[in-house]
N, C-alpha and C. Protein backbone atom coordinates (compact mmCIF):
# COMPACT_ATOMS: atom_id res chain seq x y z
N MET A 1 0.79 -1.22 0.11
CA MET A 1 -0.04 -0.14 -0.09
C MET A 1 1.06 1.39 -0.01
N ARG A 2 0.65 1.97 -0.85
CA ARG A 2 1.31 3.49 -1.04
C ARG A 2 0.91 4.52 -0.02
N MET A 3 1.90 5.03 0.71
CA MET A 3 1.64 5.93 1.57
C MET A 3 1.44 7.26 0.87
N LEU A 4 0.37 7.76 1.47
CA LEU A 4 0.14 9.42 0.78
C LEU A 4 1.11 10.40 1.40
N MET A 5 1.32 11.40 0.37
CA MET A 5 2.28 12.39 0.74
C MET A 5 1.35 13.35 1.61
N GLU A 6 1.51 14.07 2.82
CA GLU A 6 0.91 14.72 3.68
C GLU A 6 1.27 16.14 3.26
N SER A 7 0.14 16.94 3.01
CA SER A 7 0.39 18.36 2.73
C SER A 7 0.55 19.28 3.67
N TYR A 8 0.90 20.69 3.65
CA TYR A 8 1.43 21.46 4.60
C TYR A 8 0.08 22.03 5.27
N SER A 9 -0.02 22.88 6.37
CA SER A 9 -1.13 23.40 6.81
C SER A 9 -1.52 24.83 5.76
N THR A 10 -2.77 25.05 6.04
CA THR A 10 -3.02 26.17 5.19
C THR A 10 -2.41 27.23 5.56
N ILE A 11 -1.97 27.62 6.89
CA ILE A 11 -1.08 28.83 7.22
C ILE A 11 0.39 28.55 6.55
N VAL A 12 0.74 27.29 6.61
CA VAL A 12 2.06 27.36 5.86
C VAL A 12 2.15 27.61 4.54
N GLU A 13 1.12 26.98 3.81
CA GLU A 13 0.74 27.26 2.46
C GLU A 13 0.62 28.77 2.05
N ALA A 14 -0.10 29.45 2.67
CA ALA A 14 -0.25 30.88 2.51
C ALA A 14 1.26 31.68 2.54
N GLN A 15 2.07 30.88 3.64
CA GLN A 15 3.22 31.89 3.71
C GLN A 15 4.08 31.49 2.43
N MET A 16 4.07 30.47 2.04
CA MET A 16 4.81 29.75 0.95
C MET A 16 4.47 30.65 -0.33
N VAL A 17 3.18 30.68 -0.65
CA VAL A 17 2.50 31.69 -1.59
C VAL A 17 3.29 32.90 -1.81
N ARG A 18 2.97 33.67 -0.53
CA ARG A 18 3.44 34.89 -0.14
C ARG A 18 4.98 35.06 -0.55
N PHE A 19 5.71 34.08 0.04
CA PHE A 19 7.28 34.18 -0.05
C PHE A 19 7.47 33.86 -1.62
N TYR A 20 6.82 33.05 -2.35
CA TYR A 20 6.96 32.62 -3.75
C TYR A 20 6.65 34.03 -4.57
N SER A 21 5.96 34.37 -4.48
CA SER A 21 5.43 35.75 -5.01
C SER A 21 6.59 36.85 -4.88
N SER A 22 7.25 37.03 -4.03
CA SER A 22 8.07 37.74 -3.76
C SER A 22 9.70 37.54 -4.61
N LEU A 23 9.82 36.38 -5.20
CA LEU A 23 10.96 36.14 -5.76
C LEU A 23 11.19 36.27 -7.01
N ASN A 24 12.08 36.59 -7.50
CA ASN A 24 12.48 36.59 -9.37
C ASN A 24 12.10 35.27 -9.97
N GLU A 25 11.88 35.37 -11.28
CA GLU A 25 11.63 34.23 -12.10
C GLU A 25 12.49 33.12 -11.65
N ARG A 26 13.79 33.16 -11.62
CA ARG A 26 14.81 32.16 -11.19
C ARG A 26 14.63 31.58 -10.05
N ASP A 27 14.37 32.33 -9.34
CA ASP A 27 14.46 31.87 -7.48
C ASP A 27 13.20 31.25 -7.43
N ARG A 28 11.93 31.90 -7.92
CA ARG A 28 10.94 31.07 -8.10
C ARG A 28 10.73 29.67 -8.27
N ARG A 29 11.80 29.25 -9.70
CA ARG A 29 11.67 27.84 -10.07
C ARG A 29 12.54 27.16 -9.04
N ARG A 30 13.51 27.51 -8.73
CA ARG A 30 14.24 26.83 -7.61
C ARG A 30 13.82 26.68 -6.19
N TYR A 31 12.96 27.72 -5.84
CA TYR A 31 12.12 27.35 -4.50
C TYR A 31 11.46 26.23 -4.82
N ALA A 32 10.71 26.35 -5.82
CA ALA A 32 9.45 25.24 -5.96
C ALA A 32 10.05 24.05 -6.33
N ALA A 33 11.17 23.95 -7.13
CA ALA A 33 12.23 22.53 -6.98
C ALA A 33 12.54 22.29 -5.57
N LEU A 34 12.84 22.87 -4.74
CA LEU A 34 13.44 22.64 -3.52
C LEU A 34 12.39 21.97 -2.26
N GLU A 35 11.23 22.97 -2.60
CA GLU A 35 10.02 22.18 -1.85
C GLU A 35 9.47 21.07 -2.47
N THR A 36 9.66 20.80 -3.68
CA THR A 36 9.03 19.57 -4.19
C THR A 36 9.96 18.39 -3.56
N THR A 37 11.34 18.72 -3.39
CA THR A 37 12.26 17.57 -3.17
C THR A 37 11.95 17.29 -1.48
N LYS A 38 11.66 18.27 -1.11
CA LYS A 38 11.23 17.88 0.40
C LYS A 38 10.24 16.92 0.33
N LEU A 39 9.13 16.99 -0.31
CA LEU A 39 7.83 16.32 -0.23
C LEU A 39 8.24 14.79 -0.80
N GLY A 40 8.90 14.85 -1.67
CA GLY A 40 9.00 13.28 -2.20
C GLY A 40 7.80 12.97 -3.40
N HIS A 41 7.51 12.00 -3.38
CA HIS A 41 6.42 11.31 -4.35
C HIS A 41 5.32 12.11 -4.29
N GLY A 42 4.65 12.85 -5.32
CA GLY A 42 3.56 13.68 -5.48
C GLY A 42 3.81 14.95 -5.12
N GLY A 43 5.17 15.30 -4.76
CA GLY A 43 5.52 16.64 -4.37
C GLY A 43 5.30 17.61 -5.43
N ILE A 44 5.79 17.00 -6.85
CA ILE A 44 5.54 18.10 -8.01
C ILE A 44 4.20 18.63 -8.20
N GLN A 45 3.47 17.57 -8.03
CA GLN A 45 1.75 17.87 -8.81
C GLN A 45 1.26 18.76 -7.38
N TYR A 46 1.67 18.81 -6.28
CA TYR A 46 1.06 19.46 -4.93
C TYR A 46 1.58 20.64 -5.04
N ILE A 47 3.09 20.86 -5.28
CA ILE A 47 3.45 22.05 -5.41
C ILE A 47 3.00 23.12 -6.68
N SER A 48 3.03 22.54 -7.68
CA SER A 48 2.44 22.86 -9.19
C SER A 48 1.14 23.54 -8.83
N THR A 49 0.41 22.65 -7.99
CA THR A 49 -0.93 23.17 -7.72
C THR A 49 -1.05 24.13 -6.84
N LEU A 50 -0.30 24.26 -5.91
CA LEU A 50 -0.19 25.44 -4.79
C LEU A 50 0.33 26.89 -5.50
N LEU A 51 1.32 26.71 -6.14
CA LEU A 51 1.91 27.77 -6.68
C LEU A 51 1.48 28.13 -7.79
N GLY A 52 0.50 27.31 -8.71
CA GLY A 52 0.46 27.73 -9.83
C GLY A 52 1.34 27.66 -11.01
N LEU A 53 2.28 26.87 -11.00
CA LEU A 53 3.26 26.49 -12.12
C LEU A 53 3.10 25.62 -12.69
N HIS A 54 3.56 25.18 -14.17
CA HIS A 54 3.99 24.10 -14.69
C HIS A 54 4.64 23.26 -14.19
N ARG A 55 4.40 21.77 -14.44
CA ARG A 55 5.31 20.77 -13.64
C ARG A 55 6.72 20.75 -14.40
N LYS A 56 6.71 21.19 -15.93
CA LYS A 56 8.17 21.33 -16.48
C LYS A 56 8.98 22.46 -15.88
N THR A 57 8.51 23.50 -15.26
CA THR A 57 9.23 24.63 -14.40
C THR A 57 9.83 24.00 -13.07
N ILE A 58 8.87 22.96 -12.78
CA ILE A 58 9.73 22.55 -11.61
C ILE A 58 11.04 21.75 -12.10
N VAL A 59 10.50 20.97 -12.82
CA VAL A 59 11.53 19.88 -12.99
C VAL A 59 12.77 20.85 -13.60
N ARG A 60 12.69 22.06 -14.45
CA ARG A 60 13.83 22.97 -14.87
C ARG A 60 14.42 23.41 -13.70
N GLY A 61 13.79 23.65 -12.60
CA GLY A 61 14.37 24.20 -11.22
C GLY A 61 15.05 23.19 -10.47
N MET A 62 14.76 21.95 -10.58
CA MET A 62 15.46 20.78 -10.13
C MET A 62 16.83 20.53 -10.77
N THR A 63 16.81 20.74 -12.14
CA THR A 63 18.12 20.46 -13.10
C THR A 63 19.05 21.45 -12.42
N GLU A 64 18.64 22.79 -12.55
CA GLU A 64 19.11 24.03 -12.01
C GLU A 64 19.94 23.81 -10.88
N LEU A 65 19.11 23.29 -9.63
CA LEU A 65 19.52 23.03 -8.28
C LEU A 65 20.62 21.84 -8.23
N ASN A 66 20.70 21.25 -9.42
CA ASN A 66 21.35 20.00 -9.46
C ASN A 66 22.92 20.19 -10.28
N SER A 67 22.91 21.56 -10.62
CA SER A 67 24.05 22.14 -11.37
C SER A 67 24.77 23.07 -10.87
N GLU A 68 25.98 22.62 -10.70
CA GLU A 68 27.11 23.84 -10.04
C GLU A 68 27.20 24.96 -10.79
N GLU A 69 27.24 24.95 -12.06
CA GLU A 69 27.24 26.15 -13.01
C GLU A 69 26.00 27.29 -12.93
N GLN A 70 24.72 26.59 -12.90
CA GLN A 70 23.65 27.19 -12.63
C GLN A 70 23.56 27.85 -11.46
N LEU A 71 23.98 27.15 -10.31
CA LEU A 71 23.93 27.92 -9.37
C LEU A 71 25.16 29.12 -9.12
N THR A 72 26.14 29.09 -9.65
CA THR A 72 27.01 30.01 -9.48
C THR A 72 26.76 31.58 -10.42
N THR A 73 25.65 31.45 -11.51
CA THR A 73 25.58 32.52 -12.22
C THR A 73 24.71 33.42 -11.46
N ASN A 74 24.95 34.71 -11.90
CA ASN A 74 24.26 36.12 -10.99
C ASN A 74 23.21 36.48 -12.17
N ARG A 75 23.25 36.35 -13.31
CA ARG A 75 22.11 36.70 -14.41
C ARG A 75 20.81 35.85 -14.39
N ILE A 76 19.98 36.34 -14.57
CA ILE A 76 18.65 35.82 -14.85
C ILE A 76 18.46 35.43 -16.44
N ARG A 77 18.72 36.73 -16.88
CA ARG A 77 18.53 36.53 -18.64
C ARG A 77 19.90 36.66 -19.17
N LYS A 78 19.92 36.04 -20.25
CA LYS A 78 21.01 36.66 -21.24
C LYS A 78 20.69 37.97 -21.77
N LYS A 79 22.02 38.65 -22.15
CA LYS A 79 21.75 39.94 -22.83
C LYS A 79 20.66 39.94 -24.10
N GLY A 80 20.11 40.70 -24.08
CA GLY A 80 19.22 40.70 -25.13
C GLY A 80 17.71 40.25 -24.96
N GLY A 81 17.63 40.02 -23.88
CA GLY A 81 16.23 39.55 -23.13
C GLY A 81 16.03 37.98 -23.11
N GLU A 82 17.09 37.00 -23.90
CA GLU A 82 17.14 35.80 -24.09
C GLU A 82 17.30 35.04 -22.46
N GLU A 83 16.13 34.11 -22.44
CA GLU A 83 16.29 33.71 -21.18
C GLU A 83 17.52 32.47 -21.21
N GLU A 84 18.42 32.64 -20.03
CA GLU A 84 19.22 31.66 -19.81
C GLU A 84 18.99 30.18 -19.74
N VAL A 85 19.69 29.27 -20.33
CA VAL A 85 19.34 27.73 -20.29
C VAL A 85 20.34 26.92 -19.57
């Protein structure tokens, strides 16, 4: 039998959403990825729904968290407005 993931309390969820909205684009992805990692199975769907973002965005954030190069960059976008990959 599979264990169901427990969700955060309503108060914690509200704080998470408020904090998330204060972050820039890159940090939002990474924060969502970090929270997903803490939750384990079912975390991507839960955080995606809570924060209103696509699961691919969370997966991208997870990739960034695992990349030393991505964590050391200070830029959010490349020159000319193109998003860094």
